[in-house]
Amino acid sequence: MVIEINSQVALFRDLLICIGSVRDGPELREKIRKVRRQCVESSKHAAAILLPAIKNDVAEGIPVDNQNFVHLVSCTQLLARELRKCRRLVCAMPVDMTEYYGE
C-alpha cells in the first residue's frame, strides 16, 4: 500500500517535470490530474487503514514505531511538496483545455 503511494508520487513528480517542455499539452495535464487524484485517494485510504491501530497504540502508551505509518508520513510529506509545486507550475504555465474536453 505505501509502496504503491511512493510509486504514484514518483510518477506525479516525473510528470510535473514535463510541464513547460515540448511534451506539455492537454494530454499531459489530464494525466497529471488523474495521477494527482490517485495519489490523494491512495493516501486517504492508507491513513484510514493505519490510523485506527496507531491511535489504539498511543492510547495504551505504546510509542509509534509502525514502519508503514512512518513511510506513509514520509510519502505524504513528499506528496504535499509536489502538490504545491504542481499548483505553482499550472498557474505559471496554463494550458487551454477546452478543445481537449470538447467544450
C-alpha atoms as a PDB file:
ATOM      1  CA  MET A   1       0.000   0.000   0.000  1.00  0.00           C
ATOM      2  CA  VAL A   2       2.699   2.524   0.994  1.00  0.00           C
ATOM      3  CA  ILE A   3       4.951   1.271  -1.810  1.00  0.00           C
ATOM      4  CA  GLU A   4       2.110   1.993  -4.254  1.00  0.00           C
ATOM      5  CA  ILE A   5       1.776   5.546  -2.905  1.00  0.00           C
ATOM      6  CA  ASN A   6       5.525   6.041  -3.197  1.00  0.00           C
ATOM      7  CA  SER A   7       5.420   4.914  -6.837  1.00  0.00           C
ATOM      8  CA  GLN A   8       2.459   7.184  -7.582  1.00  0.00           C
ATOM      9  CA  VAL A   9       4.216  10.193  -6.026  1.00  0.00           C
ATOM     10  CA  ALA A  10       7.329   9.426  -8.096  1.00  0.00           C
ATOM     11  CA  LEU A  11       5.216   9.258 -11.278  1.00  0.00           C
ATOM     12  CA  PHE A  12       3.484  12.522 -10.326  1.00  0.00           C
ATOM     13  CA  ARG A  13       6.874  14.190  -9.865  1.00  0.00           C
ATOM     14  CA  ASP A  14       8.116  12.868 -13.214  1.00  0.00           C
ATOM     15  CA  LEU A  15       5.037  14.226 -14.964  1.00  0.00           C
ATOM     16  CA  LEU A  16       5.452  17.643 -13.332  1.00  0.00           C
ATOM     17  CA  ILE A  17       8.975  17.863 -14.712  1.00  0.00           C
ATOM     18  CA  CYS A  18       7.444  17.821 -18.218  1.00  0.00           C
ATOM     19  CA  ILE A  19       5.350  20.968 -17.655  1.00  0.00           C
ATOM     20  CA  GLY A  20       6.665  23.702 -19.912  1.00  0.00           C
ATOM     21  CA  SER A  21       8.533  21.278 -22.167  1.00  0.00           C
ATOM     22  CA  VAL A  22       7.644  20.189 -25.689  1.00  0.00           C
ATOM     23  CA  ARG A  23       5.676  17.270 -24.184  1.00  0.00           C
ATOM     24  CA  ASP A  24       3.378  19.700 -22.346  1.00  0.00           C
ATOM     25  CA  GLY A  25      -0.188  19.842 -23.567  1.00  0.00           C
ATOM     26  CA  PRO A  26      -3.750  18.894 -22.676  1.00  0.00           C
ATOM     27  CA  GLU A  27      -2.990  15.157 -22.594  1.00  0.00           C
ATOM     28  CA  LEU A  28      -0.130  15.618 -20.126  1.00  0.00           C
ATOM     29  CA  ARG A  29      -2.216  17.924 -17.942  1.00  0.00           C
ATOM     30  CA  GLU A  30      -5.041  15.385 -17.856  1.00  0.00           C
ATOM     31  CA  LYS A  31      -2.614  12.623 -16.920  1.00  0.00           C
ATOM     32  CA  ILE A  32      -1.189  14.837 -14.153  1.00  0.00           C
ATOM     33  CA  ARG A  33      -4.726  15.456 -12.867  1.00  0.00           C
ATOM     34  CA  LYS A  34      -5.514  11.731 -12.801  1.00  0.00           C
ATOM     35  CA  VAL A  35      -2.262  10.749 -11.085  1.00  0.00           C
ATOM     36  CA  ARG A  36      -2.687  13.575  -8.561  1.00  0.00           C
ATOM     37  CA  ARG A  37      -6.154  12.333  -7.656  1.00  0.00           C
ATOM     38  CA  GLN A  38      -4.891   8.746  -7.368  1.00  0.00           C
ATOM     39  CA  CYS A  39      -2.126   9.870  -5.010  1.00  0.00           C
ATOM     40  CA  VAL A  40      -4.530  11.747  -2.768  1.00  0.00           C
ATOM     41  CA  GLU A  41      -7.099   8.938  -2.705  1.00  0.00           C
ATOM     42  CA  SER A  42      -4.452   6.283  -2.011  1.00  0.00           C
ATOM     43  CA  SER A  43      -3.064   8.377   0.838  1.00  0.00           C
ATOM     44  CA  LYS A  44      -6.513   8.820   2.346  1.00  0.00           C
ATOM     45  CA  HIS A  45      -7.201   5.099   2.066  1.00  0.00           C
ATOM     46  CA  ALA A  46      -3.881   4.155   3.684  1.00  0.00           C
ATOM     47  CA  ALA A  47      -4.425   6.631   6.503  1.00  0.00           C
ATOM     48  CA  ALA A  48      -7.910   5.231   7.135  1.00  0.00           C
ATOM     49  CA  ILE A  49      -6.414   1.763   7.482  1.00  0.00           C
ATOM     50  CA  LEU A  50      -3.341   2.646   9.556  1.00  0.00           C
ATOM     51  CA  LEU A  51      -4.568   5.426  11.856  1.00  0.00           C
ATOM     52  CA  PRO A  52      -7.061   3.438  13.975  1.00  0.00           C
ATOM     53  CA  ALA A  53      -4.336   0.984  15.024  1.00  0.00           C
ATOM     54  CA  ILE A  54      -1.904   3.830  15.716  1.00  0.00           C
ATOM     55  CA  LYS A  55      -4.494   5.655  17.850  1.00  0.00           C
ATOM     56  CA  ASN A  56      -5.095   2.485  19.888  1.00  0.00           C
ATOM     57  CA  ASP A  57      -1.362   2.029  20.456  1.00  0.00           C
ATOM     58  CA  VAL A  58      -0.915   5.660  21.532  1.00  0.00           C
ATOM     59  CA  ALA A  59      -3.908   5.390  23.889  1.00  0.00           C
ATOM     60  CA  GLU A  60      -2.266   2.354  25.503  1.00  0.00           C
ATOM     61  CA  GLY A  61       1.019   4.219  25.885  1.00  0.00           C
ATOM     62  CA  ILE A  62       2.864   2.333  23.159  1.00  0.00           C
ATOM     63  CA  PRO A  63       5.268   4.536  21.168  1.00  0.00           C
ATOM     64  CA  VAL A  64       4.512   4.931  17.481  1.00  0.00           C
ATOM     65  CA  ASP A  65       7.099   2.808  15.679  1.00  0.00           C
ATOM     66  CA  ASN A  66       4.966   1.268  12.949  1.00  0.00           C
ATOM     67  CA  GLN A  67       7.177   1.288   9.836  1.00  0.00           C
ATOM     68  CA  ASN A  68       4.219   1.515   7.450  1.00  0.00           C
ATOM     69  CA  PHE A  69       3.000   4.607   9.291  1.00  0.00           C
ATOM     70  CA  VAL A  70       6.458   6.208   9.220  1.00  0.00           C
ATOM     71  CA  HIS A  71       6.726   5.543   5.487  1.00  0.00           C
ATOM     72  CA  LEU A  72       3.201   6.865   4.914  1.00  0.00           C
ATOM     73  CA  VAL A  73       4.076  10.110   6.689  1.00  0.00           C
ATOM     74  CA  SER A  74       7.197  10.478   4.551  1.00  0.00           C
ATOM     75  CA  CYS A  75       5.261   9.802   1.349  1.00  0.00           C
ATOM     76  CA  THR A  76       2.529  12.276   2.256  1.00  0.00           C
ATOM     77  CA  GLN A  77       5.146  14.934   3.006  1.00  0.00           C
ATOM     78  CA  LEU A  78       6.657  14.348  -0.438  1.00  0.00           C
ATOM     79  CA  LEU A  79       3.188  14.447  -1.988  1.00  0.00           C
ATOM     80  CA  ALA A  80       2.390  17.741  -0.245  1.00  0.00           C
ATOM     81  CA  ARG A  81       5.590  19.257  -1.657  1.00  0.00           C
ATOM     82  CA  GLU A  82       4.750  18.034  -5.176  1.00  0.00           C
ATOM     83  CA  LEU A  83       1.172  19.336  -4.878  1.00  0.00           C
ATOM     84  CA  ARG A  84       2.479  22.808  -4.002  1.00  0.00           C
ATOM     85  CA  LYS A  85       4.873  22.601  -6.951  1.00  0.00           C
ATOM     86  CA  CYS A  86       2.028  21.478  -9.229  1.00  0.00           C
ATOM     87  CA  ARG A  87      -0.111  24.443  -8.256  1.00  0.00           C
ATOM     88  CA  ARG A  88       2.710  26.907  -8.900  1.00  0.00           C
ATOM     89  CA  LEU A  89       3.558  25.346 -12.273  1.00  0.00           C
ATOM     90  CA  VAL A  90      -0.027  25.138 -13.504  1.00  0.00           C
ATOM     91  CA  CYS A  91      -0.667  28.762 -12.505  1.00  0.00           C
ATOM     92  CA  ALA A  92       2.564  29.941 -14.121  1.00  0.00           C
ATOM     93  CA  MET A  93       2.063  27.932 -17.349  1.00  0.00           C
ATOM     94  CA  PRO A  94      -1.656  27.446 -18.009  1.00  0.00           C
ATOM     95  CA  VAL A  95      -2.892  25.293 -20.898  1.00  0.00           C
ATOM     96  CA  ASP A  96      -6.215  25.767 -22.672  1.00  0.00           C
ATOM     97  CA  MET A  97      -8.140  22.537 -22.070  1.00  0.00           C
ATOM     98  CA  THR A  98     -11.396  23.492 -23.860  1.00  0.00           C
ATOM     99  CA  GLU A  99     -10.572  21.573 -27.042  1.00  0.00           C
ATOM    100  CA  TYR A 100      -9.452  18.539 -25.049  1.00  0.00           C
ATOM    101  CA  TYR A 101     -12.755  18.337 -23.177  1.00  0.00           C
ATOM    102  CA  GLY A 102     -14.719  19.194 -26.334  1.00  0.00           C
ATOM    103  CA  GLU A 103     -16.401  22.308 -24.964  1.00  0.00           C
END
